[in-house]
Amino acid sequence: MLCDRWLIGVSFTITTPIPKALPKLHQHIMTPGLTTLAPELIACILDFVPSIDLQQTTISLLCVLSYSSVPNWRHYLLQHVNLRTPEGISKFVQHLKRAPGDAKFVRKISLGSWTVDAKLATDAILMLPELKWLSLCLGVSFTPQHLGKLFRKPMPKLRYLSLRLRP
């Protein structure tokens, strides 16, 4: 069987015959699954995932693979934290209180809930020393005092700030 391929406008032909039935061992080698990839390759793949999708992609991988198969999984899981519910923000704060060392991994945070407890959200943000990117949806619970508390402490690494006010 011959296969014709096009590569940048140049035609070439693969002349190696493809056997119809491969032994089981060769089929496994020919079609490796995600679980057979080296941890270094998993890390390289995650390096190319857009930061907004990185948290969910890492969670999905950790459901399929062992934690040892995803090197630096905390880095990938916490690099861009995307929280959409008040419960998610509350659980995130509880996690940071149990594991304060994880706060150093958070570079970006998006709080997308209009109904979040402003004090809880402010406390969560102030726990993140390496924060470079902050996106907040500010509902009616956010008062000028909460914003004042949030920005009173210097955030020298912060490079992006987005504040969305509920109409």
N, C-alpha and C. Protein backbone atom coordinates (compact mmCIF):
# COMPACT_ATOMS: atom_id res chain seq x y z
N MET A 1 0.85 -1.18 0.00
CA MET A 1 0.00 0.00 0.00
C MET A 1 0.89 1.23 0.00
N LEU A 2 0.61 2.19 -0.84
CA LEU A 2 1.39 3.42 -0.93
C LEU A 2 0.56 4.58 -0.42
N CYS A 3 1.24 5.50 0.26
CA CYS A 3 0.56 6.67 0.79
C CYS A 3 1.16 7.92 0.17
N ASP A 4 0.36 8.75 -0.43
CA ASP A 4 0.84 10.02 -0.98
C ASP A 4 0.65 11.10 0.07
N ARG A 5 1.64 11.94 0.23
CA ARG A 5 1.58 13.05 1.21
C ARG A 5 2.02 14.34 0.54
N TRP A 6 1.54 15.47 1.08
CA TRP A 6 1.96 16.79 0.62
C TRP A 6 2.63 17.51 1.77
N LEU A 7 3.78 18.05 1.51
CA LEU A 7 4.52 18.78 2.52
C LEU A 7 5.00 20.08 1.90
N ILE A 8 4.41 21.19 2.29
CA ILE A 8 4.76 22.52 1.81
C ILE A 8 4.81 22.52 0.27
N GLY A 9 3.78 21.97 -0.32
CA GLY A 9 3.67 22.02 -1.78
C GLY A 9 4.51 21.00 -2.52
N VAL A 10 5.26 20.15 -1.82
CA VAL A 10 6.11 19.17 -2.47
C VAL A 10 5.51 17.79 -2.20
N SER A 11 5.30 17.03 -3.25
CA SER A 11 4.73 15.70 -3.11
C SER A 11 5.84 14.69 -2.90
N PHE A 12 5.62 13.75 -1.97
CA PHE A 12 6.54 12.64 -1.81
C PHE A 12 5.71 11.40 -1.52
N THR A 13 6.30 10.26 -1.70
CA THR A 13 5.58 9.00 -1.54
C THR A 13 6.28 8.14 -0.51
N ILE A 14 5.49 7.58 0.38
CA ILE A 14 6.02 6.62 1.34
C ILE A 14 5.89 5.25 0.68
N THR A 15 7.01 4.59 0.48
CA THR A 15 6.99 3.32 -0.24
C THR A 15 7.03 2.11 0.67
N THR A 16 7.10 2.32 1.98
CA THR A 16 7.11 1.19 2.89
C THR A 16 5.71 0.63 3.01
N PRO A 17 5.54 -0.65 2.75
CA PRO A 17 4.19 -1.22 2.88
C PRO A 17 3.76 -1.21 4.35
N ILE A 18 2.50 -0.94 4.57
CA ILE A 18 1.94 -0.93 5.92
C ILE A 18 1.21 -2.26 6.11
N PRO A 19 1.66 -3.11 7.05
CA PRO A 19 1.00 -4.40 7.23
C PRO A 19 -0.41 -4.23 7.77
N LYS A 20 -1.29 -5.12 7.35
CA LYS A 20 -2.68 -5.05 7.78
C LYS A 20 -2.84 -5.48 9.22
N ALA A 21 -2.14 -6.49 9.64
CA ALA A 21 -2.27 -6.99 11.01
C ALA A 21 -0.90 -6.94 11.68
N LEU A 22 -0.79 -6.15 12.73
CA LEU A 22 0.46 -6.06 13.48
C LEU A 22 0.35 -6.93 14.73
N PRO A 23 1.46 -7.52 15.15
CA PRO A 23 1.42 -8.24 16.42
C PRO A 23 1.04 -7.26 17.54
N LYS A 24 0.48 -7.79 18.64
CA LYS A 24 0.01 -6.95 19.73
C LYS A 24 1.11 -6.04 20.27
N LEU A 25 2.31 -6.53 20.41
CA LEU A 25 3.42 -5.74 20.93
C LEU A 25 3.68 -4.54 20.02
N HIS A 26 3.69 -4.75 18.73
CA HIS A 26 3.95 -3.66 17.79
C HIS A 26 2.80 -2.67 17.76
N GLN A 27 1.57 -3.12 17.92
CA GLN A 27 0.44 -2.20 17.96
C GLN A 27 0.57 -1.27 19.15
N HIS A 28 1.01 -1.80 20.29
CA HIS A 28 1.18 -0.96 21.47
C HIS A 28 2.27 0.09 21.24
N ILE A 29 3.34 -0.30 20.58
CA ILE A 29 4.43 0.63 20.28
C ILE A 29 3.98 1.67 19.26
N MET A 30 3.18 1.26 18.29
CA MET A 30 2.75 2.16 17.22
C MET A 30 1.71 3.18 17.70
N THR A 31 0.90 2.83 18.69
CA THR A 31 -0.16 3.73 19.15
C THR A 31 -0.04 3.96 20.65
N PRO A 32 0.96 4.74 21.07
CA PRO A 32 1.13 4.97 22.50
C PRO A 32 0.01 5.86 23.03
N GLY A 33 -0.42 5.58 24.23
CA GLY A 33 -1.42 6.41 24.88
C GLY A 33 -0.77 7.50 25.71
N LEU A 34 -1.60 8.32 26.24
CA LEU A 34 -1.12 9.43 27.07
C LEU A 34 -0.37 8.91 28.30
N THR A 35 -0.83 7.78 28.81
CA THR A 35 -0.21 7.25 30.03
C THR A 35 1.20 6.72 29.80
N THR A 36 1.60 6.53 28.54
CA THR A 36 2.93 6.01 28.26
C THR A 36 3.95 7.12 27.98
N LEU A 37 3.50 8.36 27.95
CA LEU A 37 4.43 9.46 27.68
C LEU A 37 5.32 9.72 28.89
N ALA A 38 6.54 10.09 28.61
CA ALA A 38 7.49 10.44 29.68
C ALA A 38 7.02 11.72 30.37
N PRO A 39 7.27 11.85 31.66
CA PRO A 39 6.88 13.06 32.38
C PRO A 39 7.43 14.34 31.75
N GLU A 40 8.62 14.26 31.18
CA GLU A 40 9.21 15.44 30.54
C GLU A 40 8.37 15.90 29.34
N LEU A 41 7.81 14.95 28.62
CA LEU A 41 6.95 15.30 27.48
C LEU A 41 5.63 15.90 27.95
N ILE A 42 5.09 15.38 29.04
CA ILE A 42 3.87 15.95 29.62
C ILE A 42 4.14 17.41 30.00
N ALA A 43 5.29 17.67 30.63
CA ALA A 43 5.64 19.04 31.02
C ALA A 43 5.79 19.94 29.79
N CYS A 44 6.40 19.44 28.73
CA CYS A 44 6.54 20.23 27.50
C CYS A 44 5.18 20.56 26.89
N ILE A 45 4.28 19.60 26.91
CA ILE A 45 2.93 19.85 26.38
C ILE A 45 2.23 20.92 27.22
N LEU A 46 2.31 20.80 28.55
CA LEU A 46 1.66 21.78 29.42
C LEU A 46 2.26 23.17 29.26
N ASP A 47 3.53 23.25 28.90
CA ASP A 47 4.16 24.56 28.68
C ASP A 47 3.52 25.32 27.52
N PHE A 48 2.86 24.59 26.61
CA PHE A 48 2.23 25.23 25.45
C PHE A 48 0.74 25.49 25.64
N VAL A 49 0.17 25.06 26.73
CA VAL A 49 -1.26 25.29 26.99
C VAL A 49 -1.44 26.75 27.42
N PRO A 50 -2.40 27.47 26.83
CA PRO A 50 -2.65 28.85 27.26
C PRO A 50 -2.97 28.91 28.75
N SER A 51 -2.51 29.94 29.42
CA SER A 51 -2.62 29.99 30.88
C SER A 51 -4.07 29.92 31.36
N ILE A 52 -5.01 30.46 30.61
CA ILE A 52 -6.41 30.43 31.02
C ILE A 52 -6.95 29.00 31.06
N ASP A 53 -6.37 28.10 30.25
CA ASP A 53 -6.81 26.71 30.20
C ASP A 53 -5.93 25.77 31.01
N LEU A 54 -4.85 26.27 31.55
CA LEU A 54 -3.85 25.43 32.20
C LEU A 54 -4.38 24.72 33.45
N GLN A 55 -5.16 25.41 34.25
CA GLN A 55 -5.68 24.81 35.48
C GLN A 55 -6.58 23.62 35.15
N GLN A 56 -7.54 23.79 34.25
CA GLN A 56 -8.45 22.70 33.92
C GLN A 56 -7.74 21.56 33.21
N THR A 57 -6.78 21.88 32.34
CA THR A 57 -6.01 20.85 31.65
C THR A 57 -5.21 20.03 32.65
N THR A 58 -4.59 20.68 33.62
CA THR A 58 -3.82 19.97 34.64
C THR A 58 -4.72 19.08 35.48
N ILE A 59 -5.89 19.58 35.86
CA ILE A 59 -6.84 18.76 36.63
C ILE A 59 -7.23 17.52 35.83
N SER A 60 -7.49 17.70 34.55
CA SER A 60 -7.87 16.57 33.69
C SER A 60 -6.75 15.55 33.61
N LEU A 61 -5.51 16.03 33.45
CA LEU A 61 -4.37 15.11 33.40
C LEU A 61 -4.18 14.35 34.71
N LEU A 62 -4.36 15.05 35.82
CA LEU A 62 -4.18 14.39 37.12
C LEU A 62 -5.26 13.35 37.39
N CYS A 63 -6.42 13.49 36.74
CA CYS A 63 -7.47 12.47 36.86
C CYS A 63 -7.09 11.20 36.11
N VAL A 64 -6.30 11.35 35.05
CA VAL A 64 -5.93 10.21 34.19
C VAL A 64 -4.58 9.64 34.59
N LEU A 65 -3.63 10.50 34.92
CA LEU A 65 -2.26 10.07 35.20
C LEU A 65 -1.99 10.12 36.70
N SER A 66 -0.91 9.50 37.10
CA SER A 66 -0.49 9.62 38.49
C SER A 66 0.19 10.98 38.68
N TYR A 67 0.23 11.43 39.90
CA TYR A 67 0.85 12.72 40.19
C TYR A 67 2.33 12.72 39.80
N SER A 68 2.97 11.57 39.88
CA SER A 68 4.38 11.49 39.52
C SER A 68 4.59 11.61 38.01
N SER A 69 3.54 11.41 37.23
CA SER A 69 3.65 11.53 35.76
C SER A 69 3.56 12.98 35.29
N VAL A 70 3.12 13.87 36.16
CA VAL A 70 3.00 15.29 35.81
C VAL A 70 3.98 16.06 36.70
N PRO A 71 5.20 16.29 36.20
CA PRO A 71 6.18 16.99 37.02
C PRO A 71 5.74 18.42 37.31
N ASN A 72 6.06 18.88 38.49
CA ASN A 72 5.70 20.25 38.90
C ASN A 72 4.20 20.50 38.76
N TRP A 73 3.38 19.53 39.10
CA TRP A 73 1.94 19.67 38.88
C TRP A 73 1.35 20.84 39.65
N ARG A 74 1.90 21.16 40.81
CA ARG A 74 1.38 22.32 41.55
C ARG A 74 1.61 23.61 40.77
N HIS A 75 2.77 23.71 40.15
CA HIS A 75 3.08 24.89 39.34
C HIS A 75 2.03 25.06 38.23
N TYR A 76 1.73 23.98 37.52
CA TYR A 76 0.76 24.06 36.43
C TYR A 76 -0.66 24.28 36.94
N LEU A 77 -1.00 23.65 38.04
CA LEU A 77 -2.34 23.75 38.60
C LEU A 77 -2.63 25.15 39.13
N LEU A 78 -1.63 25.78 39.72
CA LEU A 78 -1.86 27.04 40.41
C LEU A 78 -1.32 28.27 39.68
N GLN A 79 -0.69 28.10 38.55
CA GLN A 79 -0.12 29.25 37.84
C GLN A 79 -1.18 30.29 37.50
N HIS A 80 -2.31 29.85 36.97
CA HIS A 80 -3.42 30.76 36.68
C HIS A 80 -4.68 30.17 37.31
N VAL A 81 -5.05 30.69 38.46
CA VAL A 81 -6.22 30.22 39.18
C VAL A 81 -7.44 30.97 38.64
N ASN A 82 -8.42 30.19 38.20
CA ASN A 82 -9.63 30.76 37.61
C ASN A 82 -10.81 30.31 38.46
N LEU A 83 -11.35 31.22 39.26
CA LEU A 83 -12.44 30.89 40.18
C LEU A 83 -13.72 31.59 39.73
N ARG A 84 -14.80 30.82 39.61
CA ARG A 84 -16.05 31.38 39.06
C ARG A 84 -17.21 31.39 40.05
N THR A 85 -17.03 30.75 41.19
CA THR A 85 -18.13 30.68 42.16
C THR A 85 -17.65 31.13 43.54
N PRO A 86 -18.56 31.62 44.37
CA PRO A 86 -18.16 31.97 45.74
C PRO A 86 -17.62 30.76 46.51
N GLU A 87 -18.18 29.57 46.25
CA GLU A 87 -17.70 28.36 46.92
C GLU A 87 -16.26 28.05 46.51
N GLY A 88 -15.95 28.25 45.24
CA GLY A 88 -14.59 28.01 44.76
C GLY A 88 -13.58 28.92 45.43
N ILE A 89 -13.96 30.17 45.61
CA ILE A 89 -13.07 31.13 46.26
C ILE A 89 -12.87 30.74 47.73
N SER A 90 -13.95 30.34 48.38
CA SER A 90 -13.87 29.93 49.77
C SER A 90 -12.96 28.70 49.92
N LYS A 91 -13.10 27.72 49.05
CA LYS A 91 -12.26 26.53 49.09
C LYS A 91 -10.80 26.86 48.79
N PHE A 92 -10.59 27.81 47.89
CA PHE A 92 -9.22 28.23 47.57
C PHE A 92 -8.55 28.86 48.79
N VAL A 93 -9.27 29.72 49.51
CA VAL A 93 -8.73 30.35 50.72
C VAL A 93 -8.44 29.28 51.77
N GLN A 94 -9.35 28.33 51.95
CA GLN A 94 -9.11 27.25 52.91
C GLN A 94 -7.87 26.45 52.53
N HIS A 95 -7.70 26.19 51.22
CA HIS A 95 -6.52 25.46 50.77
C HIS A 95 -5.24 26.24 51.08
N LEU A 96 -5.25 27.54 50.82
CA LEU A 96 -4.05 28.34 51.08
C LEU A 96 -3.72 28.40 52.58
N LYS A 97 -4.75 28.35 53.41
CA LYS A 97 -4.50 28.32 54.85
C LYS A 97 -3.90 27.00 55.29
N ARG A 98 -4.33 25.89 54.65
CA ARG A 98 -3.78 24.56 54.96
C ARG A 98 -2.38 24.38 54.37
N ALA A 99 -2.17 24.93 53.17
CA ALA A 99 -0.89 24.77 52.47
C ALA A 99 -0.39 26.15 52.02
N PRO A 100 0.11 26.97 52.93
CA PRO A 100 0.51 28.33 52.58
C PRO A 100 1.63 28.39 51.55
N GLY A 101 2.42 27.34 51.42
CA GLY A 101 3.49 27.31 50.43
C GLY A 101 2.98 27.33 49.00
N ASP A 102 1.74 26.91 48.78
CA ASP A 102 1.17 26.91 47.43
C ASP A 102 0.91 28.32 46.90
N ALA A 103 0.84 29.30 47.78
CA ALA A 103 0.57 30.68 47.34
C ALA A 103 1.67 31.20 46.42
N LYS A 104 2.88 30.72 46.59
CA LYS A 104 3.99 31.21 45.76
C LYS A 104 3.88 30.77 44.30
N PHE A 105 3.06 29.75 44.01
CA PHE A 105 2.89 29.27 42.65
C PHE A 105 1.90 30.11 41.84
N VAL A 106 1.04 30.85 42.51
CA VAL A 106 -0.02 31.61 41.83
C VAL A 106 0.57 32.88 41.22
N ARG A 107 0.50 32.97 39.90
CA ARG A 107 0.97 34.15 39.17
C ARG A 107 -0.21 34.99 38.66
N LYS A 108 -1.30 34.30 38.33
CA LYS A 108 -2.48 34.96 37.78
C LYS A 108 -3.71 34.45 38.51
N ILE A 109 -4.65 35.36 38.75
CA ILE A 109 -5.91 34.94 39.36
C ILE A 109 -7.06 35.71 38.71
N SER A 110 -8.11 34.97 38.41
CA SER A 110 -9.33 35.55 37.86
C SER A 110 -10.47 35.18 38.80
N LEU A 111 -11.11 36.18 39.35
CA LEU A 111 -12.28 35.95 40.20
C LEU A 111 -13.50 36.40 39.40
N GLY A 112 -14.27 35.43 38.93
CA GLY A 112 -15.37 35.73 38.02
C GLY A 112 -16.75 35.62 38.63
N SER A 113 -16.87 35.79 39.93
CA SER A 113 -18.18 35.70 40.57
C SER A 113 -18.60 37.09 41.07
N TRP A 114 -19.79 37.49 40.71
CA TRP A 114 -20.29 38.80 41.13
C TRP A 114 -20.74 38.78 42.59
N THR A 115 -21.00 37.58 43.14
CA THR A 115 -21.60 37.48 44.47
C THR A 115 -20.61 37.02 45.54
N VAL A 116 -19.33 37.15 45.28
CA VAL A 116 -18.33 36.70 46.23
C VAL A 116 -18.29 37.62 47.45
N ASP A 117 -17.93 37.04 48.58
CA ASP A 117 -17.71 37.81 49.80
C ASP A 117 -16.44 38.65 49.59
N ALA A 118 -16.58 39.96 49.61
CA ALA A 118 -15.47 40.86 49.30
C ALA A 118 -14.31 40.69 50.27
N LYS A 119 -14.60 40.49 51.55
CA LYS A 119 -13.52 40.32 52.53
C LYS A 119 -12.74 39.04 52.23
N LEU A 120 -13.43 37.97 51.90
CA LEU A 120 -12.79 36.70 51.58
C LEU A 120 -11.92 36.84 50.32
N ALA A 121 -12.44 37.49 49.29
CA ALA A 121 -11.68 37.67 48.05
C ALA A 121 -10.44 38.54 48.29
N THR A 122 -10.60 39.59 49.06
CA THR A 122 -9.47 40.47 49.37
C THR A 122 -8.40 39.72 50.15
N ASP A 123 -8.83 38.94 51.14
CA ASP A 123 -7.87 38.15 51.92
C ASP A 123 -7.12 37.16 51.03
N ALA A 124 -7.84 36.53 50.10
CA ALA A 124 -7.21 35.56 49.19
C ALA A 124 -6.14 36.23 48.35
N ILE A 125 -6.46 37.37 47.79
CA ILE A 125 -5.51 38.07 46.92
C ILE A 125 -4.28 38.53 47.69
N LEU A 126 -4.49 38.98 48.91
CA LEU A 126 -3.36 39.45 49.72
C LEU A 126 -2.45 38.32 50.18
N MET A 127 -2.88 37.08 50.03
CA MET A 127 -2.05 35.93 50.40
C MET A 127 -1.09 35.52 49.28
N LEU A 128 -1.16 36.19 48.12
CA LEU A 128 -0.41 35.76 46.93
C LEU A 128 0.77 36.70 46.67
N PRO A 129 1.98 36.32 47.11
CA PRO A 129 3.13 37.23 47.00
C PRO A 129 3.68 37.39 45.58
N GLU A 130 3.43 36.42 44.70
CA GLU A 130 4.01 36.45 43.35
C GLU A 130 3.01 36.88 42.28
N LEU A 131 1.93 37.51 42.66
CA LEU A 131 0.85 37.85 41.74
C LEU A 131 1.30 38.87 40.70
N LYS A 132 1.09 38.49 39.42
CA LYS A 132 1.45 39.37 38.29
C LYS A 132 0.23 39.83 37.52
N TRP A 133 -0.89 39.12 37.67
CA TRP A 133 -2.07 39.34 36.83
C TRP A 133 -3.30 39.17 37.71
N LEU A 134 -4.17 40.18 37.72
CA LEU A 134 -5.36 40.15 38.58
C LEU A 134 -6.57 40.62 37.79
N SER A 135 -7.59 39.78 37.77
CA SER A 135 -8.85 40.13 37.11
C SER A 135 -9.98 39.88 38.10
N LEU A 136 -10.74 40.94 38.39
CA LEU A 136 -11.81 40.85 39.39
C LEU A 136 -13.14 41.31 38.80
N CYS A 137 -14.19 40.59 39.14
CA CYS A 137 -15.55 41.05 38.89
C CYS A 137 -16.05 41.58 40.22
N LEU A 138 -16.34 42.87 40.27
CA LEU A 138 -16.72 43.50 41.53
C LEU A 138 -18.23 43.65 41.60
N GLY A 139 -18.84 42.92 42.53
CA GLY A 139 -20.27 43.01 42.75
C GLY A 139 -20.57 44.05 43.81
N VAL A 140 -21.80 44.03 44.28
CA VAL A 140 -22.23 45.04 45.24
C VAL A 140 -21.57 44.89 46.60
N SER A 141 -21.02 43.72 46.90
CA SER A 141 -20.38 43.53 48.21
C SER A 141 -19.03 44.23 48.31
N PHE A 142 -18.42 44.56 47.16
CA PHE A 142 -17.14 45.28 47.19
C PHE A 142 -17.40 46.76 47.46
N THR A 143 -16.78 47.24 48.50
CA THR A 143 -16.91 48.65 48.85
C THR A 143 -15.57 49.34 48.63
N PRO A 144 -15.54 50.66 48.63
CA PRO A 144 -14.24 51.35 48.52
C PRO A 144 -13.25 50.94 49.61
N GLN A 145 -13.76 50.57 50.78
CA GLN A 145 -12.87 50.14 51.87
C GLN A 145 -12.16 48.83 51.50
N HIS A 146 -12.89 47.91 50.85
CA HIS A 146 -12.27 46.65 50.43
C HIS A 146 -11.18 46.90 49.39
N LEU A 147 -11.49 47.77 48.43
CA LEU A 147 -10.48 48.09 47.41
C LEU A 147 -9.29 48.81 48.03
N GLY A 148 -9.56 49.69 49.00
CA GLY A 148 -8.47 50.38 49.68
C GLY A 148 -7.56 49.41 50.41
N LYS A 149 -8.16 48.43 51.08
CA LYS A 149 -7.36 47.41 51.78
C LYS A 149 -6.55 46.59 50.78
N LEU A 150 -7.17 46.29 49.64
CA LEU A 150 -6.50 45.47 48.63
C LEU A 150 -5.27 46.17 48.06
N PHE A 151 -5.39 47.47 47.79
CA PHE A 151 -4.29 48.17 47.13
C PHE A 151 -3.40 48.95 48.09
N ARG A 152 -3.66 48.86 49.38
CA ARG A 152 -2.80 49.52 50.37
C ARG A 152 -1.44 48.81 50.43
N LYS A 153 -1.47 47.50 50.34
CA LYS A 153 -0.23 46.71 50.37
C LYS A 153 0.38 46.73 48.96
N PRO A 154 1.65 47.08 48.84
CA PRO A 154 2.28 47.10 47.51
C PRO A 154 2.30 45.71 46.87
N MET A 155 2.05 45.68 45.58
CA MET A 155 2.15 44.45 44.79
C MET A 155 3.17 44.74 43.69
N PRO A 156 4.46 44.63 44.00
CA PRO A 156 5.49 45.07 43.07
C PRO A 156 5.54 44.27 41.76
N LYS A 157 5.05 43.04 41.77
CA LYS A 157 5.13 42.22 40.56
C LYS A 157 3.88 42.32 39.69
N LEU A 158 2.85 43.01 40.16
CA LEU A 158 1.60 43.12 39.42
C LEU A 158 1.80 43.93 38.14
N ARG A 159 1.45 43.31 37.00
CA ARG A 159 1.62 43.95 35.69
C ARG A 159 0.30 44.14 34.96
N TYR A 160 -0.74 43.44 35.38
CA TYR A 160 -2.04 43.51 34.71
C TYR A 160 -3.13 43.58 35.77
N LEU A 161 -4.05 44.52 35.60
CA LEU A 161 -5.17 44.66 36.52
C LEU A 161 -6.43 44.91 35.72
N SER A 162 -7.46 44.12 35.98
CA SER A 162 -8.75 44.29 35.33
C SER A 162 -9.82 44.29 36.41
N LEU A 163 -10.58 45.35 36.50
CA LEU A 163 -11.67 45.47 37.44
C LEU A 163 -12.97 45.66 36.65
N ARG A 164 -13.87 44.73 36.76
CA ARG A 164 -15.17 44.83 36.07
C ARG A 164 -16.23 45.11 37.11
N LEU A 165 -16.96 46.18 36.90
CA LEU A 165 -18.02 46.56 37.83
C LEU A 165 -19.36 46.05 37.31
N ARG A 166 -20.15 45.51 38.21
CA ARG A 166 -21.47 45.03 37.81
C ARG A 166 -22.36 46.24 37.54
N PRO A 167 -23.04 46.22 36.39
CA PRO A 167 -23.91 47.36 36.05
C PRO A 167 -25.11 47.46 36.96
